[in-house]
């Protein structure tokens, strides 16, 4: 962890970062050892705060207790969350973050672009499915395309694009601090920011979304 941060600081030509994340739990490393390393990074002045990423609720609580004992400022969790991926609801991290008063910053809220209008008429040749395929595979698109189309109809009824609705859905959840929209073009940022114009969902809308996806 320390070596990785040292290399990053050198590349960015910075003395410190605001937040340094530990991105994945390592079952082969004692949790205290990892938290001690994070604490050492803060006390050395290389980071102001620490964050945890991809932890479950139980392990995050244990980590938070250790960091509290070390007087290390742990402020935020980073996890994947979207209409299609409800892991944070099921592994206890969302509830535990609220209980422990820790932030939750969400990545992949658009499910690697699946929760946009990009795939409604098929898979474009320049899409990440065709050009990369590591995180979003062609069979995943095929399996979910009918659900995507149904979700798009709900978005239209709300006066939103599918992407705007997907972002609104995540951001409206209690305990969510921020959402990483993962835009690749400036116009995508401008368009997606319109999600703030309609952040409220009726009970009926939420039930319709769950019935389609779950």
Foldseek 3Di string as FASTA:
>chain_A
DVVVLVVVCVVVVHQAEAEAEDADDDPVDPLLVVLVVVLVCCVVVRYVAYEYEPDFLVVVVVSVVSCVVSVGHYAAYEYEDWLQDPVNVVRHNQVNCVVVVHAYEYECLCQQVLQFCQDQPHHDCPGCCNVPVPRDHPVNSVVCNVLSVQLQVLQVVVVAGSLLVGLLAVVLDPRHDYYDSPDPDPVVVVRNVCSVVDNDDDPVSVVSSNVSRD
